[in-house]
Amino acid sequence: MNTTLNHQLQADSDPSLLENFFKAYPPERTEKILWRWLLASVKNDFTGISQEDMQEFSDFFENLHRLEVVLHEQYNERQSQLKKGESA
């Protein structure tokens, strides 16, 4: 996995996190990763998956989770700001 990408995605407060994720995982690449994961999951057989592919799965899901956490935090912050505005 690209070390630069991991470093970029670790800056969770960086507003370009979303942009960096989709640059690293354009739709075609994301689809390929998810289809390989789904196929192996349905078969319940990851023995044919290379170590490199397993690392790619791991990196993808880790980065996706990090993105989800940041977006959720931003959403909660925005909701809190809206509620404060309504009560003022």
N, C-alpha and C. Protein backbone atom coordinates (compact mmCIF):
# COMPACT_ATOMS: atom_id res chain seq x y z
N MET A 1 0.84 -1.18 0.00
CA MET A 1 0.00 0.00 0.00
C MET A 1 0.88 1.23 0.00
N ASN A 2 0.43 2.25 -0.59
CA ASN A 2 1.15 3.50 -0.70
C ASN A 2 1.31 4.14 0.67
N THR A 3 2.57 4.27 1.14
CA THR A 3 2.85 4.84 2.45
C THR A 3 2.41 6.29 2.52
N THR A 4 2.56 7.02 1.44
CA THR A 4 2.14 8.42 1.41
C THR A 4 0.65 8.53 1.65
N LEU A 5 -0.13 7.66 1.04
CA LEU A 5 -1.58 7.66 1.25
C LEU A 5 -1.90 7.43 2.71
N ASN A 6 -1.28 6.44 3.32
CA ASN A 6 -1.55 6.17 4.73
C ASN A 6 -1.23 7.37 5.60
N HIS A 7 -0.13 8.04 5.30
CA HIS A 7 0.25 9.23 6.05
C HIS A 7 -0.80 10.33 5.86
N GLN A 8 -1.25 10.51 4.64
CA GLN A 8 -2.25 11.54 4.35
C GLN A 8 -3.56 11.24 5.06
N LEU A 9 -3.97 10.00 5.08
CA LEU A 9 -5.24 9.64 5.69
C LEU A 9 -5.16 9.65 7.21
N GLN A 10 -3.96 9.59 7.76
CA GLN A 10 -3.83 9.64 9.21
C GLN A 10 -4.09 11.03 9.75
N ALA A 11 -4.00 12.04 8.94
CA ALA A 11 -4.29 13.40 9.37
C ALA A 11 -5.80 13.58 9.38
N ASP A 12 -6.44 12.99 10.39
CA ASP A 12 -7.90 12.92 10.44
C ASP A 12 -8.59 14.27 10.43
N SER A 13 -7.94 15.28 10.92
CA SER A 13 -8.58 16.59 10.94
C SER A 13 -8.40 17.34 9.62
N ASP A 14 -7.64 16.78 8.73
CA ASP A 14 -7.37 17.41 7.44
C ASP A 14 -8.66 17.43 6.61
N PRO A 15 -9.07 18.62 6.16
CA PRO A 15 -10.32 18.69 5.37
C PRO A 15 -10.24 17.96 4.02
N SER A 16 -9.05 17.64 3.59
CA SER A 16 -8.92 16.95 2.30
C SER A 16 -8.96 15.43 2.47
N LEU A 17 -9.31 14.95 3.65
CA LEU A 17 -9.35 13.50 3.89
C LEU A 17 -10.24 12.79 2.88
N LEU A 18 -11.42 13.32 2.66
CA LEU A 18 -12.36 12.73 1.72
C LEU A 18 -11.77 12.72 0.31
N GLU A 19 -11.21 13.84 -0.08
CA GLU A 19 -10.60 13.95 -1.41
C GLU A 19 -9.45 12.95 -1.56
N ASN A 20 -8.61 12.84 -0.55
CA ASN A 20 -7.48 11.92 -0.60
C ASN A 20 -7.95 10.47 -0.70
N PHE A 21 -9.02 10.14 0.03
CA PHE A 21 -9.54 8.78 -0.03
C PHE A 21 -9.98 8.44 -1.45
N PHE A 22 -10.75 9.33 -2.06
CA PHE A 22 -11.27 9.03 -3.39
C PHE A 22 -10.22 9.15 -4.49
N LYS A 23 -9.15 9.86 -4.23
CA LYS A 23 -8.02 9.85 -5.17
C LYS A 23 -7.30 8.50 -5.10
N ALA A 24 -7.16 8.01 -3.88
CA ALA A 24 -6.47 6.73 -3.68
C ALA A 24 -7.32 5.55 -4.12
N TYR A 25 -8.64 5.69 -3.94
CA TYR A 25 -9.56 4.60 -4.26
C TYR A 25 -10.65 5.10 -5.21
N PRO A 26 -10.29 5.31 -6.47
CA PRO A 26 -11.32 5.71 -7.43
C PRO A 26 -12.34 4.57 -7.58
N PRO A 27 -13.50 4.87 -8.14
CA PRO A 27 -14.58 3.86 -8.21
C PRO A 27 -14.14 2.51 -8.78
N GLU A 28 -13.34 2.51 -9.81
CA GLU A 28 -12.94 1.24 -10.43
C GLU A 28 -12.11 0.40 -9.46
N ARG A 29 -11.21 1.05 -8.76
CA ARG A 29 -10.35 0.32 -7.82
C ARG A 29 -11.18 -0.17 -6.63
N THR A 30 -12.05 0.69 -6.13
CA THR A 30 -12.91 0.31 -5.01
C THR A 30 -13.78 -0.88 -5.37
N GLU A 31 -14.36 -0.83 -6.56
CA GLU A 31 -15.21 -1.94 -7.01
C GLU A 31 -14.41 -3.24 -7.07
N LYS A 32 -13.20 -3.17 -7.59
CA LYS A 32 -12.36 -4.36 -7.70
C LYS A 32 -12.04 -4.93 -6.31
N ILE A 33 -11.68 -4.06 -5.37
CA ILE A 33 -11.38 -4.50 -4.00
C ILE A 33 -12.61 -5.15 -3.38
N LEU A 34 -13.76 -4.48 -3.49
CA LEU A 34 -14.98 -5.00 -2.86
C LEU A 34 -15.45 -6.30 -3.49
N TRP A 35 -15.33 -6.44 -4.81
CA TRP A 35 -15.74 -7.69 -5.45
C TRP A 35 -14.84 -8.85 -5.02
N ARG A 36 -13.53 -8.60 -4.93
CA ARG A 36 -12.61 -9.66 -4.49
C ARG A 36 -12.92 -10.06 -3.05
N TRP A 37 -13.18 -9.05 -2.20
CA TRP A 37 -13.51 -9.32 -0.81
C TRP A 37 -14.82 -10.10 -0.70
N LEU A 38 -15.83 -9.66 -1.45
CA LEU A 38 -17.13 -10.33 -1.42
C LEU A 38 -17.02 -11.78 -1.88
N LEU A 39 -16.32 -12.01 -2.98
CA LEU A 39 -16.17 -13.36 -3.51
C LEU A 39 -15.49 -14.27 -2.49
N ALA A 40 -14.42 -13.79 -1.89
CA ALA A 40 -13.72 -14.60 -0.89
C ALA A 40 -14.60 -14.82 0.34
N SER A 41 -15.38 -13.80 0.71
CA SER A 41 -16.27 -13.92 1.88
C SER A 41 -17.39 -14.93 1.62
N VAL A 42 -17.99 -14.85 0.44
CA VAL A 42 -19.08 -15.77 0.11
C VAL A 42 -18.57 -17.21 0.08
N LYS A 43 -17.40 -17.40 -0.48
CA LYS A 43 -16.81 -18.73 -0.53
C LYS A 43 -16.27 -19.15 0.83
N ASN A 44 -16.11 -18.17 1.73
CA ASN A 44 -15.49 -18.38 3.03
C ASN A 44 -14.13 -19.04 2.84
N ASP A 45 -13.39 -18.50 1.87
CA ASP A 45 -12.08 -19.06 1.52
C ASP A 45 -11.15 -17.94 1.10
N PHE A 46 -10.27 -17.58 2.00
CA PHE A 46 -9.29 -16.53 1.71
C PHE A 46 -7.92 -17.12 1.39
N THR A 47 -7.86 -18.44 1.22
CA THR A 47 -6.57 -19.08 1.00
C THR A 47 -5.96 -18.71 -0.35
N GLY A 48 -6.79 -18.37 -1.32
CA GLY A 48 -6.26 -18.01 -2.63
C GLY A 48 -5.90 -16.54 -2.75
N ILE A 49 -6.03 -15.79 -1.66
CA ILE A 49 -5.74 -14.36 -1.67
C ILE A 49 -4.28 -14.16 -1.28
N SER A 50 -3.57 -13.41 -2.07
CA SER A 50 -2.16 -13.17 -1.78
C SER A 50 -2.00 -12.26 -0.57
N GLN A 51 -0.81 -12.29 0.01
CA GLN A 51 -0.52 -11.42 1.15
C GLN A 51 -0.66 -9.96 0.75
N GLU A 52 -0.28 -9.63 -0.45
CA GLU A 52 -0.40 -8.25 -0.95
C GLU A 52 -1.88 -7.83 -1.04
N ASP A 53 -2.72 -8.74 -1.53
CA ASP A 53 -4.15 -8.44 -1.60
C ASP A 53 -4.77 -8.30 -0.21
N MET A 54 -4.34 -9.15 0.72
CA MET A 54 -4.85 -9.05 2.08
C MET A 54 -4.45 -7.71 2.69
N GLN A 55 -3.24 -7.27 2.39
CA GLN A 55 -2.80 -5.96 2.89
C GLN A 55 -3.62 -4.85 2.27
N GLU A 56 -3.95 -5.00 0.98
CA GLU A 56 -4.78 -4.01 0.32
C GLU A 56 -6.18 -3.96 0.95
N PHE A 57 -6.75 -5.13 1.23
CA PHE A 57 -8.05 -5.18 1.92
C PHE A 57 -7.96 -4.45 3.25
N SER A 58 -6.95 -4.80 4.01
CA SER A 58 -6.77 -4.23 5.33
C SER A 58 -6.63 -2.70 5.26
N ASP A 59 -5.80 -2.24 4.37
CA ASP A 59 -5.59 -0.79 4.21
C ASP A 59 -6.88 -0.10 3.78
N PHE A 60 -7.58 -0.70 2.84
CA PHE A 60 -8.81 -0.10 2.34
C PHE A 60 -9.84 0.05 3.45
N PHE A 61 -10.08 -1.04 4.18
CA PHE A 61 -11.10 -1.00 5.23
C PHE A 61 -10.68 -0.11 6.39
N GLU A 62 -9.40 -0.09 6.69
CA GLU A 62 -8.91 0.80 7.74
C GLU A 62 -9.12 2.27 7.34
N ASN A 63 -8.77 2.60 6.12
CA ASN A 63 -8.93 3.97 5.64
C ASN A 63 -10.40 4.34 5.49
N LEU A 64 -11.22 3.40 5.07
CA LEU A 64 -12.66 3.65 4.97
C LEU A 64 -13.24 3.90 6.36
N HIS A 65 -12.82 3.12 7.33
CA HIS A 65 -13.30 3.31 8.70
C HIS A 65 -12.87 4.68 9.23
N ARG A 66 -11.62 5.04 9.00
CA ARG A 66 -11.12 6.34 9.45
C ARG A 66 -11.95 7.46 8.84
N LEU A 67 -12.25 7.34 7.58
CA LEU A 67 -13.07 8.33 6.89
C LEU A 67 -14.46 8.39 7.52
N GLU A 68 -15.05 7.24 7.78
CA GLU A 68 -16.38 7.18 8.38
C GLU A 68 -16.39 7.85 9.75
N VAL A 69 -15.38 7.62 10.56
CA VAL A 69 -15.30 8.22 11.89
C VAL A 69 -15.21 9.73 11.79
N VAL A 70 -14.37 10.22 10.90
CA VAL A 70 -14.21 11.67 10.74
C VAL A 70 -15.51 12.29 10.25
N LEU A 71 -16.13 11.68 9.27
CA LEU A 71 -17.39 12.23 8.75
C LEU A 71 -18.48 12.21 9.80
N HIS A 72 -18.53 11.16 10.60
CA HIS A 72 -19.52 11.07 11.67
C HIS A 72 -19.28 12.17 12.71
N GLU A 73 -18.02 12.39 13.07
CA GLU A 73 -17.69 13.45 14.02
C GLU A 73 -18.09 14.81 13.46
N GLN A 74 -17.81 15.04 12.19
CA GLN A 74 -18.18 16.32 11.58
C GLN A 74 -19.69 16.48 11.54
N TYR A 75 -20.41 15.42 11.25
CA TYR A 75 -21.86 15.47 11.24
C TYR A 75 -22.40 15.82 12.63
N ASN A 76 -21.88 15.14 13.66
CA ASN A 76 -22.32 15.40 15.02
C ASN A 76 -22.01 16.84 15.43
N GLU A 77 -20.86 17.32 15.04
CA GLU A 77 -20.49 18.70 15.35
C GLU A 77 -21.45 19.67 14.68
N ARG A 78 -21.77 19.41 13.45
CA ARG A 78 -22.70 20.28 12.71
C ARG A 78 -24.09 20.24 13.34
N GLN A 79 -24.55 19.07 13.72
CA GLN A 79 -25.85 18.95 14.37
C GLN A 79 -25.87 19.72 15.69
N SER A 80 -24.78 19.65 16.42
CA SER A 80 -24.67 20.37 17.68
C SER A 80 -24.71 21.87 17.44
N GLN A 81 -24.06 22.34 16.41
CA GLN A 81 -24.08 23.76 16.07
C GLN A 81 -25.49 24.20 15.66
N LEU A 82 -26.18 23.36 14.91
CA LEU A 82 -27.55 23.70 14.51
C LEU A 82 -28.47 23.78 15.71
N LYS A 83 -28.33 22.84 16.66
CA LYS A 83 -29.16 22.85 17.85
C LYS A 83 -28.89 24.09 18.71
N LYS A 84 -27.61 24.49 18.79
CA LYS A 84 -27.27 25.70 19.54
C LYS A 84 -27.89 26.91 18.88
N GLY A 85 -27.90 26.92 17.54
CA GLY A 85 -28.50 28.03 16.80
C GLY A 85 -29.99 28.10 17.00
N GLU A 86 -30.65 26.98 17.12
CA GLU A 86 -32.10 26.94 17.32
C GLU A 86 -32.48 27.40 18.72
N SER A 87 -31.65 27.09 19.70
CA SER A 87 -31.99 27.45 21.07
C SER A 87 -31.61 28.89 21.41
N ALA A 88 -30.87 29.54 20.53
CA ALA A 88 -30.45 30.92 20.79
C ALA A 88 -31.52 31.93 20.45
